[in-house]
Amino acid sequence: MAKGTPTPSDSAPIPDFNKTQLHIMQLLWDADEALKPSEIEAKFTWPIENATLRSVLAVMLERGDLDREKRGKAFHYFPRQQKTAAVSDMLSGLARLFGSGSRVGLLSQLMQEDSFSEEEIQQLRELVNNPDKTNTHPKGK
């Protein structure tokens, strides 16, 4: 490969989810089980037409974001990728775009663009010093 030519992993796209698709993924990850469209619709935090939801599910299924299995008369949908893997892919893509390929560079960019509170900086220090605490979620601003 020629010098400077991106390798497939260097040029892999960031998973591309719109707001509705990302919400569906979050609902399915949180459910920790396959859900019927009616169950997904019931969990939505904003009104969504059943036909619209089914259309979005079909696109996500075709794209490979979701899979489904038939149980009785209904299809149950589930994500093909675990949340941690999807987040890792997204962070890698963002690091390529905004952090010169480095996650540290991405974090540095975030720190330059956004002012962190003292509490958030302390939370970051705790995460660095105690990596086993990965299930704790720092408070948002």
N, C-alpha and C. Protein backbone atom coordinates (compact mmCIF):
# COMPACT_ATOMS: atom_id res chain seq x y z
N MET A 1 0.84 -1.18 0.00
CA MET A 1 0.00 0.00 0.00
C MET A 1 0.89 1.25 0.00
N ALA A 2 0.53 2.22 -0.78
CA ALA A 2 1.32 3.44 -0.88
C ALA A 2 1.31 4.19 0.43
N LYS A 3 2.44 4.88 0.68
CA LYS A 3 2.53 5.66 1.91
C LYS A 3 1.44 6.73 1.92
N GLY A 4 0.79 6.86 3.07
CA GLY A 4 -0.27 7.86 3.19
C GLY A 4 -1.63 7.36 2.76
N THR A 5 -1.68 6.16 2.14
CA THR A 5 -2.97 5.61 1.75
C THR A 5 -3.63 5.01 2.98
N PRO A 6 -4.86 5.41 3.26
CA PRO A 6 -5.50 4.89 4.46
C PRO A 6 -5.74 3.38 4.35
N THR A 7 -5.50 2.67 5.43
CA THR A 7 -5.83 1.26 5.47
C THR A 7 -7.32 1.14 5.71
N PRO A 8 -7.92 -0.03 5.45
CA PRO A 8 -9.36 -0.16 5.68
C PRO A 8 -9.78 0.26 7.09
N SER A 9 -8.99 -0.08 8.11
CA SER A 9 -9.38 0.30 9.46
C SER A 9 -9.26 1.81 9.67
N ASP A 10 -8.30 2.45 8.96
CA ASP A 10 -8.15 3.90 9.08
C ASP A 10 -9.33 4.65 8.46
N SER A 11 -9.90 4.07 7.41
CA SER A 11 -10.95 4.76 6.69
C SER A 11 -12.34 4.24 7.02
N ALA A 12 -12.44 3.32 7.97
CA ALA A 12 -13.75 2.80 8.33
C ALA A 12 -14.62 3.94 8.83
N PRO A 13 -15.87 3.99 8.34
CA PRO A 13 -16.72 5.11 8.72
C PRO A 13 -17.18 5.02 10.17
N ILE A 14 -17.56 6.16 10.69
CA ILE A 14 -18.20 6.21 12.01
C ILE A 14 -19.61 5.67 11.80
N PRO A 15 -20.09 4.78 12.69
CA PRO A 15 -21.47 4.33 12.54
C PRO A 15 -22.40 5.52 12.40
N ASP A 16 -23.23 5.49 11.39
CA ASP A 16 -24.05 6.63 11.02
C ASP A 16 -25.49 6.40 11.44
N PHE A 17 -25.86 6.91 12.59
CA PHE A 17 -27.23 6.79 13.08
C PHE A 17 -27.85 8.18 13.16
N ASN A 18 -29.08 8.30 12.65
CA ASN A 18 -29.79 9.54 12.90
C ASN A 18 -30.43 9.46 14.28
N LYS A 19 -31.10 10.50 14.70
CA LYS A 19 -31.65 10.56 16.06
C LYS A 19 -32.59 9.39 16.35
N THR A 20 -33.47 9.06 15.42
CA THR A 20 -34.43 7.98 15.62
C THR A 20 -33.72 6.64 15.69
N GLN A 21 -32.77 6.40 14.79
CA GLN A 21 -32.03 5.15 14.79
C GLN A 21 -31.22 4.97 16.07
N LEU A 22 -30.57 6.03 16.51
CA LEU A 22 -29.78 5.96 17.73
C LEU A 22 -30.69 5.69 18.94
N HIS A 23 -31.87 6.28 18.94
CA HIS A 23 -32.82 6.05 20.03
C HIS A 23 -33.27 4.58 20.03
N ILE A 24 -33.52 4.02 18.87
CA ILE A 24 -33.89 2.61 18.76
C ILE A 24 -32.76 1.74 19.31
N MET A 25 -31.54 2.04 18.91
CA MET A 25 -30.40 1.26 19.41
C MET A 25 -30.33 1.34 20.93
N GLN A 26 -30.47 2.54 21.48
CA GLN A 26 -30.40 2.72 22.93
C GLN A 26 -31.50 1.93 23.63
N LEU A 27 -32.71 1.98 23.08
CA LEU A 27 -33.83 1.23 23.68
C LEU A 27 -33.55 -0.27 23.67
N LEU A 28 -33.01 -0.76 22.57
CA LEU A 28 -32.72 -2.19 22.47
C LEU A 28 -31.57 -2.59 23.39
N TRP A 29 -30.53 -1.75 23.46
CA TRP A 29 -29.42 -2.05 24.38
C TRP A 29 -29.93 -2.05 25.83
N ASP A 30 -30.75 -1.08 26.17
CA ASP A 30 -31.26 -0.98 27.54
C ASP A 30 -32.19 -2.15 27.87
N ALA A 31 -32.94 -2.62 26.89
CA ALA A 31 -33.89 -3.71 27.12
C ALA A 31 -33.16 -5.02 27.37
N ASP A 32 -32.00 -5.18 26.78
CA ASP A 32 -31.21 -6.40 26.95
C ASP A 32 -31.95 -7.64 26.47
N GLU A 33 -32.92 -7.45 25.58
CA GLU A 33 -33.64 -8.56 24.96
C GLU A 33 -34.24 -8.05 23.66
N ALA A 34 -34.59 -8.98 22.79
CA ALA A 34 -35.22 -8.61 21.53
C ALA A 34 -36.63 -8.09 21.81
N LEU A 35 -37.01 -7.05 21.05
CA LEU A 35 -38.32 -6.43 21.25
C LEU A 35 -39.12 -6.41 19.96
N LYS A 36 -40.43 -6.51 20.10
CA LYS A 36 -41.35 -6.34 18.98
C LYS A 36 -41.44 -4.85 18.66
N PRO A 37 -41.82 -4.50 17.43
CA PRO A 37 -41.99 -3.08 17.10
C PRO A 37 -42.94 -2.36 18.05
N SER A 38 -44.02 -3.01 18.44
CA SER A 38 -44.97 -2.35 19.36
C SER A 38 -44.32 -2.07 20.72
N GLU A 39 -43.41 -2.93 21.16
CA GLU A 39 -42.71 -2.70 22.43
C GLU A 39 -41.70 -1.56 22.29
N ILE A 40 -41.04 -1.49 21.13
CA ILE A 40 -40.11 -0.38 20.88
C ILE A 40 -40.90 0.93 20.85
N GLU A 41 -42.02 0.93 20.14
CA GLU A 41 -42.85 2.13 20.03
C GLU A 41 -43.32 2.60 21.42
N ALA A 42 -43.69 1.68 22.27
CA ALA A 42 -44.17 2.03 23.61
C ALA A 42 -43.08 2.67 24.46
N LYS A 43 -41.82 2.35 24.18
CA LYS A 43 -40.71 2.89 24.96
C LYS A 43 -40.18 4.22 24.42
N PHE A 44 -40.64 4.62 23.23
CA PHE A 44 -40.15 5.85 22.63
C PHE A 44 -40.46 7.04 23.52
N THR A 45 -39.54 8.00 23.57
CA THR A 45 -39.75 9.18 24.41
C THR A 45 -40.41 10.32 23.65
N TRP A 46 -40.73 10.10 22.38
CA TRP A 46 -41.50 11.06 21.60
C TRP A 46 -42.45 10.26 20.71
N PRO A 47 -43.51 10.87 20.25
CA PRO A 47 -44.46 10.13 19.41
C PRO A 47 -43.82 9.72 18.09
N ILE A 48 -44.05 8.47 17.71
CA ILE A 48 -43.57 7.98 16.42
C ILE A 48 -44.68 7.12 15.82
N GLU A 49 -44.97 7.36 14.57
CA GLU A 49 -45.98 6.57 13.88
C GLU A 49 -45.48 5.15 13.70
N ASN A 50 -46.37 4.18 13.82
CA ASN A 50 -46.01 2.78 13.68
C ASN A 50 -45.37 2.51 12.32
N ALA A 51 -45.94 3.09 11.27
CA ALA A 51 -45.39 2.87 9.92
C ALA A 51 -43.99 3.46 9.80
N THR A 52 -43.76 4.61 10.42
CA THR A 52 -42.43 5.22 10.40
C THR A 52 -41.43 4.34 11.13
N LEU A 53 -41.81 3.86 12.30
CA LEU A 53 -40.93 2.98 13.06
C LEU A 53 -40.58 1.74 12.26
N ARG A 54 -41.56 1.12 11.65
CA ARG A 54 -41.31 -0.09 10.87
C ARG A 54 -40.41 0.19 9.67
N SER A 55 -40.56 1.35 9.08
CA SER A 55 -39.69 1.75 7.97
C SER A 55 -38.25 1.91 8.44
N VAL A 56 -38.07 2.57 9.58
CA VAL A 56 -36.73 2.76 10.13
C VAL A 56 -36.12 1.42 10.51
N LEU A 57 -36.91 0.53 11.11
CA LEU A 57 -36.41 -0.80 11.46
C LEU A 57 -35.96 -1.56 10.21
N ALA A 58 -36.74 -1.43 9.11
CA ALA A 58 -36.38 -2.12 7.86
C ALA A 58 -35.04 -1.60 7.32
N VAL A 59 -34.84 -0.29 7.38
CA VAL A 59 -33.58 0.29 6.91
C VAL A 59 -32.42 -0.20 7.78
N MET A 60 -32.61 -0.21 9.08
CA MET A 60 -31.56 -0.64 9.99
C MET A 60 -31.26 -2.13 9.84
N LEU A 61 -32.27 -2.91 9.55
CA LEU A 61 -32.11 -4.34 9.31
C LEU A 61 -31.31 -4.56 8.03
N GLU A 62 -31.68 -3.85 6.98
CA GLU A 62 -30.98 -3.97 5.70
C GLU A 62 -29.53 -3.51 5.80
N ARG A 63 -29.29 -2.49 6.58
CA ARG A 63 -27.94 -1.94 6.76
C ARG A 63 -27.07 -2.83 7.64
N GLY A 64 -27.69 -3.74 8.39
CA GLY A 64 -26.93 -4.63 9.25
C GLY A 64 -26.79 -4.16 10.68
N ASP A 65 -27.50 -3.09 11.04
CA ASP A 65 -27.45 -2.60 12.42
C ASP A 65 -28.24 -3.51 13.36
N LEU A 66 -29.33 -4.07 12.83
CA LEU A 66 -30.23 -4.91 13.61
C LEU A 66 -30.36 -6.29 12.97
N ASP A 67 -30.84 -7.20 13.78
CA ASP A 67 -31.26 -8.50 13.29
C ASP A 67 -32.62 -8.76 13.90
N ARG A 68 -33.29 -9.79 13.44
CA ARG A 68 -34.60 -10.10 14.00
C ARG A 68 -34.84 -11.59 13.98
N GLU A 69 -35.74 -12.01 14.83
CA GLU A 69 -36.15 -13.40 14.87
C GLU A 69 -37.66 -13.44 15.01
N LYS A 70 -38.25 -14.43 14.37
CA LYS A 70 -39.71 -14.54 14.43
C LYS A 70 -40.09 -15.39 15.63
N ARG A 71 -40.98 -14.83 16.43
CA ARG A 71 -41.54 -15.54 17.59
C ARG A 71 -43.05 -15.47 17.45
N GLY A 72 -43.65 -16.60 17.17
CA GLY A 72 -45.08 -16.59 16.90
C GLY A 72 -45.34 -15.82 15.62
N LYS A 73 -46.21 -14.83 15.68
CA LYS A 73 -46.55 -14.03 14.50
C LYS A 73 -45.70 -12.78 14.36
N ALA A 74 -44.94 -12.45 15.40
CA ALA A 74 -44.22 -11.17 15.40
C ALA A 74 -42.72 -11.35 15.28
N PHE A 75 -42.09 -10.37 14.63
CA PHE A 75 -40.64 -10.30 14.61
C PHE A 75 -40.18 -9.53 15.85
N HIS A 76 -39.09 -10.00 16.43
CA HIS A 76 -38.45 -9.34 17.57
C HIS A 76 -37.07 -8.87 17.09
N TYR A 77 -36.77 -7.61 17.33
CA TYR A 77 -35.54 -6.99 16.84
C TYR A 77 -34.50 -6.88 17.95
N PHE A 78 -33.24 -7.03 17.55
CA PHE A 78 -32.14 -6.88 18.51
C PHE A 78 -30.92 -6.32 17.77
N PRO A 79 -30.06 -5.59 18.48
CA PRO A 79 -28.87 -5.00 17.84
C PRO A 79 -27.86 -6.10 17.50
N ARG A 80 -27.19 -5.95 16.38
CA ARG A 80 -26.16 -6.91 15.98
C ARG A 80 -24.85 -6.64 16.69
N GLN A 81 -24.71 -5.47 17.28
CA GLN A 81 -23.47 -5.10 17.94
C GLN A 81 -23.79 -4.66 19.37
N GLN A 82 -22.97 -5.10 20.30
CA GLN A 82 -23.13 -4.67 21.69
C GLN A 82 -22.82 -3.17 21.79
N LYS A 83 -23.39 -2.55 22.79
CA LYS A 83 -23.22 -1.11 22.98
C LYS A 83 -21.74 -0.74 23.12
N THR A 84 -20.98 -1.51 23.90
CA THR A 84 -19.58 -1.16 24.11
C THR A 84 -18.80 -1.19 22.80
N ALA A 85 -19.10 -2.14 21.93
CA ALA A 85 -18.41 -2.22 20.64
C ALA A 85 -18.81 -1.05 19.74
N ALA A 86 -20.08 -0.68 19.75
CA ALA A 86 -20.54 0.46 18.95
C ALA A 86 -19.90 1.76 19.43
N VAL A 87 -19.85 1.94 20.74
CA VAL A 87 -19.22 3.15 21.30
C VAL A 87 -17.74 3.18 20.92
N SER A 88 -17.08 2.04 21.02
CA SER A 88 -15.66 1.97 20.66
C SER A 88 -15.46 2.34 19.19
N ASP A 89 -16.31 1.82 18.30
CA ASP A 89 -16.22 2.16 16.88
C ASP A 89 -16.43 3.66 16.65
N MET A 90 -17.42 4.21 17.34
CA MET A 90 -17.70 5.65 17.19
C MET A 90 -16.53 6.49 17.69
N LEU A 91 -15.97 6.11 18.85
CA LEU A 91 -14.84 6.86 19.39
C LEU A 91 -13.62 6.76 18.47
N SER A 92 -13.40 5.58 17.91
CA SER A 92 -12.27 5.43 16.97
C SER A 92 -12.45 6.33 15.76
N GLY A 93 -13.67 6.38 15.25
CA GLY A 93 -13.94 7.25 14.10
C GLY A 93 -13.78 8.71 14.45
N LEU A 94 -14.28 9.10 15.61
CA LEU A 94 -14.13 10.49 16.05
C LEU A 94 -12.66 10.83 16.29
N ALA A 95 -11.91 9.86 16.83
CA ALA A 95 -10.47 10.09 17.06
C ALA A 95 -9.75 10.30 15.74
N ARG A 96 -10.13 9.53 14.71
CA ARG A 96 -9.52 9.73 13.38
C ARG A 96 -9.83 11.12 12.85
N LEU A 97 -11.07 11.56 13.02
CA LEU A 97 -11.48 12.85 12.47
C LEU A 97 -10.98 14.05 13.26
N PHE A 98 -11.02 13.95 14.59
CA PHE A 98 -10.77 15.13 15.42
C PHE A 98 -9.57 15.01 16.35
N GLY A 99 -8.96 13.84 16.43
CA GLY A 99 -7.87 13.66 17.37
C GLY A 99 -6.61 13.12 16.74
N SER A 100 -6.43 13.35 15.44
CA SER A 100 -5.26 12.86 14.71
C SER A 100 -5.07 11.35 14.88
N GLY A 101 -6.20 10.63 14.98
CA GLY A 101 -6.15 9.18 15.08
C GLY A 101 -6.00 8.66 16.50
N SER A 102 -5.87 9.54 17.46
CA SER A 102 -5.62 9.15 18.85
C SER A 102 -6.82 9.49 19.73
N ARG A 103 -7.20 8.55 20.58
CA ARG A 103 -8.28 8.84 21.53
C ARG A 103 -7.83 9.90 22.54
N VAL A 104 -6.55 9.89 22.88
CA VAL A 104 -6.02 10.93 23.77
C VAL A 104 -6.12 12.29 23.06
N GLY A 105 -5.80 12.30 21.76
CA GLY A 105 -5.94 13.52 20.98
C GLY A 105 -7.39 13.99 20.94
N LEU A 106 -8.31 13.05 20.83
CA LEU A 106 -9.73 13.40 20.84
C LEU A 106 -10.11 14.01 22.19
N LEU A 107 -9.69 13.39 23.27
CA LEU A 107 -9.99 13.91 24.61
C LEU A 107 -9.36 15.30 24.78
N SER A 108 -8.14 15.46 24.29
CA SER A 108 -7.48 16.76 24.36
C SER A 108 -8.29 17.81 23.61
N GLN A 109 -8.79 17.44 22.44
CA GLN A 109 -9.62 18.35 21.65
C GLN A 109 -10.89 18.71 22.42
N LEU A 110 -11.51 17.72 23.04
CA LEU A 110 -12.71 17.98 23.84
C LEU A 110 -12.42 18.94 24.99
N MET A 111 -11.29 18.74 25.62
CA MET A 111 -10.93 19.58 26.75
C MET A 111 -10.64 21.02 26.31
N GLN A 112 -10.12 21.19 25.09
CA GLN A 112 -9.85 22.53 24.59
C GLN A 112 -11.15 23.24 24.20
N GLU A 113 -12.11 22.47 23.67
CA GLU A 113 -13.35 23.05 23.17
C GLU A 113 -14.40 23.25 24.25
N ASP A 114 -14.34 22.46 25.29
CA ASP A 114 -15.37 22.49 26.32
C ASP A 114 -14.70 22.62 27.68
N SER A 115 -15.20 23.52 28.47
CA SER A 115 -14.60 23.64 29.80
C SER A 115 -15.25 22.64 30.73
N PHE A 116 -14.40 21.82 31.35
CA PHE A 116 -14.87 20.82 32.29
C PHE A 116 -14.93 21.45 33.68
N SER A 117 -15.94 21.07 34.44
CA SER A 117 -16.04 21.54 35.82
C SER A 117 -14.99 20.80 36.65
N GLU A 118 -14.69 21.34 37.81
CA GLU A 118 -13.75 20.67 38.72
C GLU A 118 -14.26 19.27 39.07
N GLU A 119 -15.56 19.15 39.26
CA GLU A 119 -16.16 17.85 39.59
C GLU A 119 -15.93 16.84 38.46
N GLU A 120 -16.11 17.29 37.22
CA GLU A 120 -15.90 16.40 36.08
C GLU A 120 -14.43 16.00 35.95
N ILE A 121 -13.53 16.94 36.19
CA ILE A 121 -12.09 16.63 36.14
C ILE A 121 -11.75 15.60 37.21
N GLN A 122 -12.32 15.76 38.40
CA GLN A 122 -12.11 14.79 39.47
C GLN A 122 -12.65 13.41 39.08
N GLN A 123 -13.81 13.38 38.44
CA GLN A 123 -14.39 12.12 37.98
C GLN A 123 -13.48 11.44 36.95
N LEU A 124 -12.90 12.24 36.06
CA LEU A 124 -11.96 11.69 35.07
C LEU A 124 -10.72 11.12 35.76
N ARG A 125 -10.21 11.85 36.76
CA ARG A 125 -9.05 11.34 37.51
C ARG A 125 -9.37 10.01 38.17
N GLU A 126 -10.56 9.91 38.76
CA GLU A 126 -10.97 8.67 39.42
C GLU A 126 -11.05 7.52 38.41
N LEU A 127 -11.57 7.81 37.23
CA LEU A 127 -11.66 6.77 36.20
C LEU A 127 -10.27 6.32 35.75
N VAL A 128 -9.33 7.26 35.62
CA VAL A 128 -7.96 6.91 35.23
C VAL A 128 -7.31 6.07 36.32
N ASN A 129 -7.52 6.45 37.57
CA ASN A 129 -6.90 5.74 38.68
C ASN A 129 -7.60 4.43 39.03
N ASN A 130 -8.86 4.31 38.68
CA ASN A 130 -9.64 3.10 38.99
C ASN A 130 -10.38 2.63 37.74
N PRO A 131 -9.66 2.07 36.76
CA PRO A 131 -10.31 1.69 35.50
C PRO A 131 -11.38 0.61 35.68
N ASP A 132 -11.38 -0.09 36.80
CA ASP A 132 -12.40 -1.11 37.03
C ASP A 132 -13.77 -0.51 37.29
N LYS A 133 -13.83 0.80 37.50
CA LYS A 133 -15.10 1.48 37.76
C LYS A 133 -15.75 1.94 36.45
N THR A 134 -15.62 1.17 35.39
CA THR A 134 -16.13 1.59 34.09
C THR A 134 -17.65 1.61 34.02
N ASN A 135 -18.33 1.00 34.98
CA ASN A 135 -19.79 1.01 34.96
C ASN A 135 -20.38 2.26 35.58
N THR A 136 -19.54 3.11 36.16
CA THR A 136 -20.06 4.35 36.72
C THR A 136 -20.13 5.38 35.61
N HIS A 137 -21.18 6.14 35.60
CA HIS A 137 -21.36 7.16 34.58
C HIS A 137 -21.23 8.52 35.22
N PRO A 138 -20.22 9.30 34.81
CA PRO A 138 -20.10 10.65 35.37
C PRO A 138 -21.37 11.44 35.12
N LYS A 139 -21.68 12.32 36.04
CA LYS A 139 -22.86 13.17 35.89
C LYS A 139 -22.66 14.11 34.72
N GLY A 140 -23.75 14.35 34.00
CA GLY A 140 -23.70 15.33 32.91
C GLY A 140 -23.68 16.73 33.47
N LYS A 141 -23.43 17.70 32.60
CA LYS A 141 -23.41 19.10 33.04
C LYS A 141 -24.78 19.57 33.36
